[in-house]
Structure formats: structure tokens, C-alpha cells
N, C-alpha and C. Protein backbone atom coordinates (compact mmCIF):
# COMPACT_ATOMS: atom_id res chain seq x y z
N UNK A 1 68.44 -5.61 -63.77
CA UNK A 1 67.28 -6.43 -63.51
C UNK A 1 66.49 -6.59 -64.80
N UNK A 2 66.02 -7.79 -65.08
CA UNK A 2 65.24 -8.06 -66.28
C UNK A 2 63.80 -8.32 -65.90
N UNK A 3 62.91 -8.11 -66.86
CA UNK A 3 61.50 -8.34 -66.65
C UNK A 3 60.95 -9.10 -67.83
N UNK A 4 60.21 -10.14 -67.57
CA UNK A 4 59.58 -10.90 -68.63
C UNK A 4 58.24 -10.25 -68.97
N UNK A 5 58.05 -9.88 -70.22
CA UNK A 5 56.80 -9.26 -70.64
C UNK A 5 56.11 -10.15 -71.64
N UNK A 6 54.80 -10.00 -71.76
CA UNK A 6 54.02 -10.80 -72.68
C UNK A 6 53.88 -10.09 -74.00
N UNK A 7 54.29 -10.73 -75.07
CA UNK A 7 54.12 -10.20 -76.42
C UNK A 7 53.29 -11.21 -77.17
N UNK A 8 52.05 -10.85 -77.52
CA UNK A 8 51.13 -11.78 -78.14
C UNK A 8 51.54 -12.18 -79.55
N UNK A 9 52.48 -11.46 -80.16
CA UNK A 9 52.88 -11.78 -81.53
C UNK A 9 54.06 -12.73 -81.59
N UNK A 10 54.64 -13.06 -80.45
CA UNK A 10 55.82 -13.92 -80.40
C UNK A 10 55.50 -15.10 -79.49
N UNK A 11 55.93 -16.27 -79.88
CA UNK A 11 55.64 -17.46 -79.09
C UNK A 11 56.40 -17.45 -77.76
N UNK A 12 57.68 -17.16 -77.77
CA UNK A 12 58.48 -17.17 -76.55
C UNK A 12 59.31 -15.89 -76.48
N UNK A 13 58.80 -14.84 -75.84
CA UNK A 13 59.55 -13.59 -75.79
C UNK A 13 60.76 -13.73 -74.89
N UNK A 14 61.85 -13.06 -75.24
CA UNK A 14 63.05 -13.10 -74.40
C UNK A 14 62.88 -12.19 -73.19
N UNK A 15 63.69 -12.42 -72.17
CA UNK A 15 63.72 -11.52 -71.04
C UNK A 15 64.45 -10.25 -71.47
N UNK A 16 63.79 -9.11 -71.29
CA UNK A 16 64.38 -7.84 -71.72
C UNK A 16 64.12 -6.77 -70.68
N UNK A 17 64.99 -5.79 -70.58
CA UNK A 17 64.72 -4.70 -69.65
C UNK A 17 63.51 -3.89 -70.14
N UNK A 18 62.70 -3.43 -69.20
CA UNK A 18 61.50 -2.67 -69.54
C UNK A 18 61.86 -1.38 -70.25
N UNK A 19 62.91 -0.69 -69.83
CA UNK A 19 63.28 0.59 -70.42
C UNK A 19 63.61 0.42 -71.90
N UNK A 20 64.28 -0.65 -72.25
CA UNK A 20 64.67 -0.86 -73.64
C UNK A 20 63.50 -1.28 -74.52
N UNK A 21 62.40 -1.74 -73.94
CA UNK A 21 61.27 -2.22 -74.72
C UNK A 21 59.95 -1.61 -74.24
N UNK A 22 59.89 -0.31 -74.14
CA UNK A 22 58.68 0.36 -73.68
C UNK A 22 57.52 0.10 -74.64
N UNK A 23 57.78 -0.05 -75.95
CA UNK A 23 56.72 -0.31 -76.92
C UNK A 23 56.02 -1.62 -76.66
N UNK A 24 56.76 -2.62 -76.22
CA UNK A 24 56.17 -3.92 -75.90
C UNK A 24 55.20 -3.79 -74.74
N UNK A 25 55.56 -3.01 -73.72
CA UNK A 25 54.70 -2.78 -72.57
C UNK A 25 53.41 -2.08 -73.01
N UNK A 26 53.50 -1.14 -73.93
CA UNK A 26 52.33 -0.45 -74.46
C UNK A 26 51.39 -1.42 -75.16
N UNK A 27 51.94 -2.39 -75.89
CA UNK A 27 51.10 -3.37 -76.58
C UNK A 27 50.33 -4.24 -75.59
N UNK A 28 50.97 -4.55 -74.47
CA UNK A 28 50.29 -5.34 -73.44
C UNK A 28 49.10 -4.54 -72.90
N UNK A 29 49.34 -3.29 -72.57
CA UNK A 29 48.25 -2.44 -72.07
C UNK A 29 47.12 -2.30 -73.06
N UNK A 30 47.45 -2.13 -74.34
CA UNK A 30 46.43 -2.00 -75.37
C UNK A 30 45.64 -3.32 -75.53
N UNK A 31 46.33 -4.43 -75.39
CA UNK A 31 45.64 -5.73 -75.47
C UNK A 31 44.64 -5.88 -74.33
N UNK A 32 45.02 -5.47 -73.15
CA UNK A 32 44.10 -5.54 -72.01
C UNK A 32 42.92 -4.60 -72.23
N UNK A 33 43.15 -3.42 -72.78
CA UNK A 33 42.05 -2.50 -73.08
C UNK A 33 41.08 -3.11 -74.09
N UNK A 34 41.60 -3.85 -75.06
CA UNK A 34 40.72 -4.53 -76.02
C UNK A 34 39.84 -5.57 -75.33
N UNK A 35 40.41 -6.27 -74.36
CA UNK A 35 39.63 -7.26 -73.61
C UNK A 35 38.49 -6.58 -72.84
N UNK A 36 38.79 -5.42 -72.22
CA UNK A 36 37.74 -4.67 -71.52
C UNK A 36 36.69 -4.16 -72.50
N UNK A 37 37.11 -3.67 -73.65
CA UNK A 37 36.18 -3.15 -74.65
C UNK A 37 35.24 -4.24 -75.15
N UNK A 38 35.72 -5.47 -75.23
CA UNK A 38 34.87 -6.58 -75.67
C UNK A 38 33.78 -6.87 -74.64
N UNK A 39 34.07 -6.62 -73.36
CA UNK A 39 33.07 -6.84 -72.31
C UNK A 39 31.99 -5.78 -72.33
N UNK A 40 32.35 -4.56 -72.67
CA UNK A 40 31.41 -3.45 -72.71
C UNK A 40 31.58 -2.69 -74.02
N UNK A 41 31.11 -3.26 -75.13
CA UNK A 41 31.37 -2.66 -76.44
C UNK A 41 30.76 -1.28 -76.63
N UNK A 42 29.74 -0.94 -75.87
CA UNK A 42 29.09 0.37 -76.02
C UNK A 42 29.46 1.32 -74.90
N UNK A 43 30.50 1.00 -74.17
CA UNK A 43 30.89 1.84 -73.05
C UNK A 43 30.07 1.51 -71.82
N UNK A 44 30.51 1.99 -70.72
CA UNK A 44 29.82 1.73 -69.45
C UNK A 44 28.62 2.65 -69.34
N UNK A 45 27.49 2.07 -69.00
CA UNK A 45 26.26 2.85 -68.82
C UNK A 45 26.36 3.70 -67.56
N UNK A 46 25.59 4.76 -67.50
CA UNK A 46 25.55 5.58 -66.31
C UNK A 46 25.01 4.76 -65.14
N UNK A 47 25.58 4.95 -63.99
CA UNK A 47 25.17 4.22 -62.81
C UNK A 47 23.78 4.67 -62.38
N UNK A 48 22.86 3.72 -62.26
CA UNK A 48 21.48 4.03 -61.87
C UNK A 48 21.22 3.71 -60.41
N UNK A 49 22.13 3.06 -59.77
CA UNK A 49 21.90 2.63 -58.39
C UNK A 49 22.00 3.81 -57.43
N UNK A 50 21.23 3.72 -56.35
CA UNK A 50 21.22 4.77 -55.34
C UNK A 50 22.36 4.64 -54.36
N UNK A 51 22.94 3.45 -54.26
CA UNK A 51 24.00 3.23 -53.29
C UNK A 51 25.18 2.53 -53.95
N UNK A 52 26.34 2.72 -53.36
CA UNK A 52 27.53 2.11 -53.94
C UNK A 52 27.53 0.61 -53.67
N UNK A 53 28.23 -0.10 -54.50
CA UNK A 53 28.37 -1.53 -54.32
C UNK A 53 29.85 -1.86 -54.41
N UNK A 54 30.21 -2.94 -53.77
CA UNK A 54 31.60 -3.37 -53.72
C UNK A 54 31.74 -4.71 -54.43
N UNK A 55 32.87 -4.89 -55.07
CA UNK A 55 33.14 -6.21 -55.65
C UNK A 55 33.18 -7.23 -54.52
N UNK A 56 32.55 -8.37 -54.75
CA UNK A 56 32.49 -9.43 -53.75
C UNK A 56 32.71 -10.78 -54.45
N UNK A 57 33.94 -11.05 -54.88
CA UNK A 57 34.22 -12.29 -55.62
C UNK A 57 34.49 -13.49 -54.72
N UNK A 58 33.56 -13.77 -53.83
CA UNK A 58 33.75 -14.83 -52.84
C UNK A 58 32.58 -15.81 -52.90
N UNK A 59 32.77 -17.01 -52.40
CA UNK A 59 31.67 -17.98 -52.37
C UNK A 59 30.51 -17.50 -51.48
N UNK A 60 29.32 -17.73 -51.96
CA UNK A 60 28.10 -17.43 -51.21
C UNK A 60 27.29 -18.73 -51.19
N UNK A 61 26.85 -19.12 -50.02
CA UNK A 61 26.03 -20.33 -49.89
C UNK A 61 24.57 -19.91 -49.95
N UNK A 62 23.82 -20.48 -50.89
CA UNK A 62 22.40 -20.18 -51.03
C UNK A 62 21.59 -21.38 -50.55
N UNK A 63 20.64 -21.10 -49.67
CA UNK A 63 19.76 -22.14 -49.13
C UNK A 63 18.34 -21.85 -49.56
N UNK A 64 17.74 -22.72 -50.37
CA UNK A 64 16.33 -22.53 -50.77
C UNK A 64 15.40 -22.85 -49.60
N UNK A 65 14.17 -22.44 -49.73
CA UNK A 65 13.12 -22.77 -48.77
C UNK A 65 12.36 -24.00 -49.28
N UNK A 66 11.83 -24.79 -48.35
CA UNK A 66 11.02 -25.95 -48.76
C UNK A 66 9.56 -25.51 -48.95
N UNK A 67 8.68 -26.45 -49.23
CA UNK A 67 7.27 -26.15 -49.51
C UNK A 67 6.56 -25.53 -48.30
N UNK A 68 7.05 -25.82 -47.10
CA UNK A 68 6.45 -25.27 -45.88
C UNK A 68 7.00 -23.89 -45.54
N UNK A 69 7.93 -23.38 -46.34
CA UNK A 69 8.50 -22.06 -46.09
C UNK A 69 9.66 -22.06 -45.11
N UNK A 70 10.20 -23.24 -44.83
CA UNK A 70 11.35 -23.37 -43.92
C UNK A 70 12.62 -23.54 -44.75
N UNK A 71 13.76 -23.06 -44.24
CA UNK A 71 15.02 -23.29 -44.96
C UNK A 71 15.30 -24.78 -45.10
N UNK A 72 15.82 -25.18 -46.25
CA UNK A 72 16.14 -26.57 -46.53
C UNK A 72 17.65 -26.72 -46.69
N UNK A 73 18.39 -26.85 -45.56
CA UNK A 73 19.86 -26.88 -45.61
C UNK A 73 20.44 -27.99 -46.48
N UNK A 74 19.69 -29.07 -46.68
CA UNK A 74 20.20 -30.17 -47.51
C UNK A 74 20.30 -29.77 -48.98
N UNK A 75 19.61 -28.71 -49.39
CA UNK A 75 19.64 -28.25 -50.78
C UNK A 75 20.56 -27.04 -50.97
N UNK A 76 21.35 -26.70 -49.95
CA UNK A 76 22.26 -25.56 -50.05
C UNK A 76 23.26 -25.78 -51.18
N UNK A 77 23.53 -24.73 -51.95
CA UNK A 77 24.52 -24.80 -53.02
C UNK A 77 25.34 -23.52 -53.01
N UNK A 78 26.48 -23.57 -53.68
CA UNK A 78 27.44 -22.47 -53.64
C UNK A 78 27.46 -21.75 -54.98
N UNK A 79 27.46 -20.41 -54.92
CA UNK A 79 27.60 -19.56 -56.10
C UNK A 79 28.79 -18.64 -55.86
N UNK A 80 29.19 -17.90 -56.88
CA UNK A 80 30.30 -16.97 -56.74
C UNK A 80 29.76 -15.54 -56.77
N UNK A 81 30.09 -14.78 -55.76
CA UNK A 81 29.62 -13.41 -55.66
C UNK A 81 30.19 -12.52 -56.74
N UNK A 82 29.44 -11.48 -57.05
CA UNK A 82 29.87 -10.46 -58.01
C UNK A 82 29.98 -9.11 -57.29
N UNK A 83 28.84 -8.62 -56.78
CA UNK A 83 28.81 -7.35 -56.04
C UNK A 83 27.97 -7.52 -54.79
N UNK A 84 28.31 -6.70 -53.79
CA UNK A 84 27.57 -6.66 -52.54
C UNK A 84 27.29 -5.21 -52.21
N UNK A 85 26.05 -4.90 -51.89
CA UNK A 85 25.64 -3.56 -51.50
C UNK A 85 24.83 -3.67 -50.20
N UNK A 86 24.61 -2.57 -49.50
CA UNK A 86 23.86 -2.66 -48.25
C UNK A 86 22.46 -3.24 -48.39
N UNK A 87 21.87 -3.16 -49.57
CA UNK A 87 20.51 -3.64 -49.73
C UNK A 87 20.34 -4.74 -50.77
N UNK A 88 21.44 -5.28 -51.30
CA UNK A 88 21.30 -6.33 -52.30
C UNK A 88 22.61 -6.96 -52.68
N UNK A 89 22.49 -7.96 -53.57
CA UNK A 89 23.65 -8.74 -53.97
C UNK A 89 23.44 -9.23 -55.39
N UNK A 90 24.54 -9.46 -56.11
CA UNK A 90 24.45 -10.20 -57.36
C UNK A 90 25.58 -11.21 -57.40
N UNK A 91 25.38 -12.26 -58.19
CA UNK A 91 26.31 -13.38 -58.16
C UNK A 91 26.23 -14.14 -59.47
N UNK A 92 27.21 -15.02 -59.66
CA UNK A 92 27.27 -15.91 -60.82
C UNK A 92 26.91 -17.32 -60.40
N UNK A 93 26.18 -18.00 -61.27
CA UNK A 93 25.82 -19.39 -61.01
C UNK A 93 25.89 -20.16 -62.33
N UNK A 94 26.27 -21.42 -62.27
CA UNK A 94 26.40 -22.22 -63.49
C UNK A 94 25.04 -22.59 -64.09
N UNK A 95 23.98 -22.53 -63.29
CA UNK A 95 22.63 -22.86 -63.75
C UNK A 95 21.67 -21.78 -63.28
N UNK A 96 20.52 -21.63 -63.93
CA UNK A 96 19.55 -20.65 -63.43
C UNK A 96 19.05 -21.06 -62.05
N UNK A 97 18.79 -20.09 -61.19
CA UNK A 97 18.26 -20.37 -59.86
C UNK A 97 16.73 -20.31 -59.96
N UNK A 98 16.09 -21.43 -59.68
CA UNK A 98 14.64 -21.54 -59.86
C UNK A 98 13.85 -20.87 -58.74
N UNK A 99 14.42 -20.76 -57.56
CA UNK A 99 13.70 -20.22 -56.42
C UNK A 99 13.61 -18.69 -56.48
N UNK A 100 12.53 -18.16 -55.96
CA UNK A 100 12.34 -16.71 -55.91
C UNK A 100 13.01 -16.11 -54.68
N UNK A 101 13.04 -16.89 -53.57
CA UNK A 101 13.68 -16.43 -52.34
C UNK A 101 14.62 -17.51 -51.82
N UNK A 102 15.78 -17.05 -51.36
CA UNK A 102 16.79 -17.94 -50.80
C UNK A 102 17.44 -17.23 -49.62
N UNK A 103 18.13 -17.99 -48.81
CA UNK A 103 18.95 -17.41 -47.75
C UNK A 103 20.38 -17.40 -48.26
N UNK A 104 20.98 -16.22 -48.31
CA UNK A 104 22.39 -16.09 -48.68
C UNK A 104 23.20 -16.09 -47.38
N UNK A 105 24.10 -17.06 -47.26
CA UNK A 105 24.96 -17.12 -46.08
C UNK A 105 26.33 -16.61 -46.47
N UNK A 106 26.77 -15.58 -45.73
CA UNK A 106 28.07 -14.96 -45.97
C UNK A 106 28.99 -15.26 -44.81
N UNK A 107 30.21 -15.65 -45.13
CA UNK A 107 31.20 -15.99 -44.12
C UNK A 107 31.80 -14.70 -43.56
N UNK A 108 31.65 -14.50 -42.26
CA UNK A 108 32.20 -13.31 -41.60
C UNK A 108 33.38 -13.66 -40.72
N UNK A 109 34.12 -14.68 -41.10
CA UNK A 109 35.33 -15.05 -40.36
C UNK A 109 35.04 -15.47 -38.94
N UNK A 110 35.74 -14.84 -37.99
CA UNK A 110 35.57 -15.19 -36.57
C UNK A 110 34.18 -14.88 -36.04
N UNK A 111 33.46 -14.01 -36.72
CA UNK A 111 32.10 -13.66 -36.31
C UNK A 111 31.09 -14.73 -36.70
N UNK A 112 31.49 -15.65 -37.56
CA UNK A 112 30.59 -16.73 -37.99
C UNK A 112 29.86 -16.37 -39.27
N UNK A 113 28.76 -17.04 -39.50
CA UNK A 113 27.97 -16.86 -40.71
C UNK A 113 26.82 -15.89 -40.45
N UNK A 114 26.51 -15.08 -41.44
CA UNK A 114 25.29 -14.28 -41.38
C UNK A 114 24.35 -14.79 -42.45
N UNK A 115 23.07 -14.72 -42.17
CA UNK A 115 22.05 -15.16 -43.12
C UNK A 115 21.19 -13.99 -43.53
N UNK A 116 21.02 -13.82 -44.83
CA UNK A 116 20.19 -12.74 -45.37
C UNK A 116 19.21 -13.34 -46.37
N UNK A 117 17.92 -13.09 -46.16
CA UNK A 117 16.93 -13.55 -47.13
C UNK A 117 17.03 -12.63 -48.34
N UNK A 118 17.16 -13.25 -49.51
CA UNK A 118 17.28 -12.49 -50.76
C UNK A 118 16.06 -12.78 -51.61
N UNK A 119 15.43 -11.72 -52.07
CA UNK A 119 14.36 -11.86 -53.05
C UNK A 119 15.01 -11.66 -54.42
N UNK A 120 15.15 -12.76 -55.14
CA UNK A 120 15.81 -12.71 -56.44
C UNK A 120 14.91 -12.00 -57.45
N UNK A 121 15.48 -11.03 -58.15
CA UNK A 121 14.69 -10.19 -59.04
C UNK A 121 15.03 -10.40 -60.51
N UNK A 122 16.21 -10.90 -60.81
CA UNK A 122 16.59 -11.03 -62.21
C UNK A 122 17.64 -12.12 -62.39
N UNK A 123 17.70 -12.61 -63.62
CA UNK A 123 18.68 -13.62 -64.03
C UNK A 123 18.97 -13.40 -65.51
N UNK A 124 20.23 -13.31 -65.86
CA UNK A 124 20.64 -13.13 -67.25
C UNK A 124 21.70 -14.17 -67.62
N UNK A 125 21.59 -14.70 -68.81
CA UNK A 125 22.62 -15.62 -69.31
C UNK A 125 23.73 -14.80 -69.92
N UNK A 126 24.96 -15.05 -69.51
CA UNK A 126 26.09 -14.31 -70.07
C UNK A 126 26.65 -15.06 -71.26
N UNK A 127 27.39 -14.36 -72.07
CA UNK A 127 27.95 -14.99 -73.25
C UNK A 127 29.07 -15.97 -72.91
N UNK A 128 29.47 -16.01 -71.66
CA UNK A 128 30.53 -16.93 -71.23
C UNK A 128 29.97 -18.20 -70.59
N UNK A 129 28.66 -18.39 -70.67
CA UNK A 129 28.06 -19.63 -70.19
C UNK A 129 27.62 -19.63 -68.74
N UNK A 130 27.65 -18.50 -68.06
CA UNK A 130 27.22 -18.40 -66.68
C UNK A 130 25.94 -17.58 -66.60
N UNK A 131 25.21 -17.75 -65.52
CA UNK A 131 24.02 -16.95 -65.26
C UNK A 131 24.37 -15.90 -64.23
N UNK A 132 24.03 -14.66 -64.53
CA UNK A 132 24.24 -13.53 -63.63
C UNK A 132 22.90 -13.28 -62.96
N UNK A 133 22.85 -13.36 -61.63
CA UNK A 133 21.62 -13.25 -60.86
C UNK A 133 21.74 -12.13 -59.84
N UNK A 134 20.61 -11.60 -59.43
CA UNK A 134 20.66 -10.58 -58.40
C UNK A 134 19.33 -10.36 -57.74
N UNK A 135 19.39 -9.71 -56.58
CA UNK A 135 18.17 -9.41 -55.86
C UNK A 135 18.45 -8.52 -54.67
N UNK A 136 17.40 -8.27 -53.90
CA UNK A 136 17.52 -7.38 -52.75
C UNK A 136 17.34 -8.16 -51.46
N UNK A 137 17.99 -7.66 -50.41
CA UNK A 137 17.85 -8.27 -49.09
C UNK A 137 16.52 -7.84 -48.49
N UNK A 138 15.81 -8.79 -47.89
CA UNK A 138 14.52 -8.44 -47.28
C UNK A 138 14.47 -8.77 -45.79
N UNK A 139 15.42 -9.56 -45.28
CA UNK A 139 15.43 -9.88 -43.85
C UNK A 139 16.77 -10.46 -43.44
N UNK A 140 17.07 -10.31 -42.16
CA UNK A 140 18.23 -10.96 -41.56
C UNK A 140 17.70 -12.14 -40.77
N UNK A 141 18.28 -13.32 -41.01
CA UNK A 141 17.84 -14.54 -40.34
C UNK A 141 19.09 -15.31 -39.90
N UNK A 142 18.93 -16.28 -39.00
CA UNK A 142 20.08 -17.14 -38.68
C UNK A 142 20.51 -17.90 -39.93
N UNK A 143 21.79 -18.00 -40.12
CA UNK A 143 22.29 -18.75 -41.28
C UNK A 143 22.08 -20.24 -41.07
N UNK A 144 21.55 -20.93 -42.08
CA UNK A 144 21.42 -22.39 -41.98
C UNK A 144 22.77 -23.09 -41.83
N UNK A 145 23.86 -22.41 -42.16
CA UNK A 145 25.18 -23.03 -42.09
C UNK A 145 25.72 -23.09 -40.67
N UNK A 146 25.09 -22.40 -39.74
CA UNK A 146 25.54 -22.46 -38.35
C UNK A 146 25.46 -23.88 -37.80
N UNK A 147 24.57 -24.68 -38.34
CA UNK A 147 24.41 -26.07 -37.88
C UNK A 147 25.51 -26.99 -38.40
N UNK A 148 26.22 -26.55 -39.45
CA UNK A 148 27.26 -27.38 -40.06
C UNK A 148 28.62 -27.04 -39.49
N UNK A 149 29.40 -28.07 -39.17
CA UNK A 149 30.80 -27.82 -38.84
C UNK A 149 31.57 -27.46 -40.11
N UNK A 150 31.28 -28.17 -41.17
CA UNK A 150 31.88 -27.92 -42.48
C UNK A 150 30.76 -27.72 -43.48
N UNK A 151 30.51 -26.47 -43.91
CA UNK A 151 29.41 -26.23 -44.84
C UNK A 151 29.62 -26.96 -46.16
N UNK A 152 28.52 -27.24 -46.88
CA UNK A 152 28.65 -27.92 -48.17
C UNK A 152 29.47 -27.10 -49.15
N UNK A 153 30.16 -27.77 -50.02
CA UNK A 153 31.01 -27.10 -51.02
C UNK A 153 30.43 -27.26 -52.40
N UNK A 154 30.96 -26.48 -53.32
CA UNK A 154 30.49 -26.55 -54.72
C UNK A 154 30.72 -27.94 -55.26
N UNK A 155 29.81 -28.37 -56.12
CA UNK A 155 29.92 -29.71 -56.73
C UNK A 155 30.95 -29.73 -57.82
């Protein structure tokens, strides 16, 4: 059995058995470690959070409130989740989120949509051109997406 491995120094590497080319496999692993080191050049900081969080790389629908304090489903937009914890969430967005409070609608499959009011606490611009945002949950509310047969999608 042959395995195709990635060698960054060669344009088109040949198919070779892994056992015969263990050094090539090591170079791939080292290259991936370099990519991780570039993301966190000073090492990972000590965890300051009181509760664990889980990776949540899924679409999240955010619904802003209007001037009267009611959800405005026509302004719903989609962001990409980063982490989800029992008391908060963080996500990526292509633009800064101007609102201080939004309803985050999470798809729970057959259970339908859940709505959580999020008080956004921070926003950081990443070096890759995205905004990293986060906040804490302050209430459970009906999801504005329950009214839609097909919720709005990312532009």
C-alpha cells in the first residue's frame, strides 16, 4: 500500500510507502507545528475561565434589537461560531458588530431553534481580516428564526 505525503520542498512528490520515508512524515508534522506557533508565538496563556468551553465551528444567526427593544428579524445575519460555554459564546464575523445586545439563534436539529440574548463584551480584529467577538448569555428567549421556514443565510 502506498501513501501520498506532502513535502513542501518538492512540487510533485511521488507516492511512497510511509515506512521508507519516515523523515518526510516528520517534516509534515514540524510544518504543522510551525503553523500553530505562528498563531500563538508566545505560547498559550493560562486559562482564566471558570468553566470549560467547547469548539463550536457552526453558523450562528444573530438578530439585533430595534429602537423599541424588540427583535428585528429582518436584520438577522450569520456569523461563524468559535467557542460555546454554558454562560457565553464567541464567534467570527467579517465586520464589527455594532449592537451591544443580540439574540443568538442556535440550531438544535429536531428540537428546533433556541434563542439566547447575548451581551457582547468585546471585539478584536484578527490578523487574518476577521473580527473575533464574544459575550455572555443573559436570557433565554424564543428564537426569531422560529417564524422562518428557511432562515436567512450569509450574504
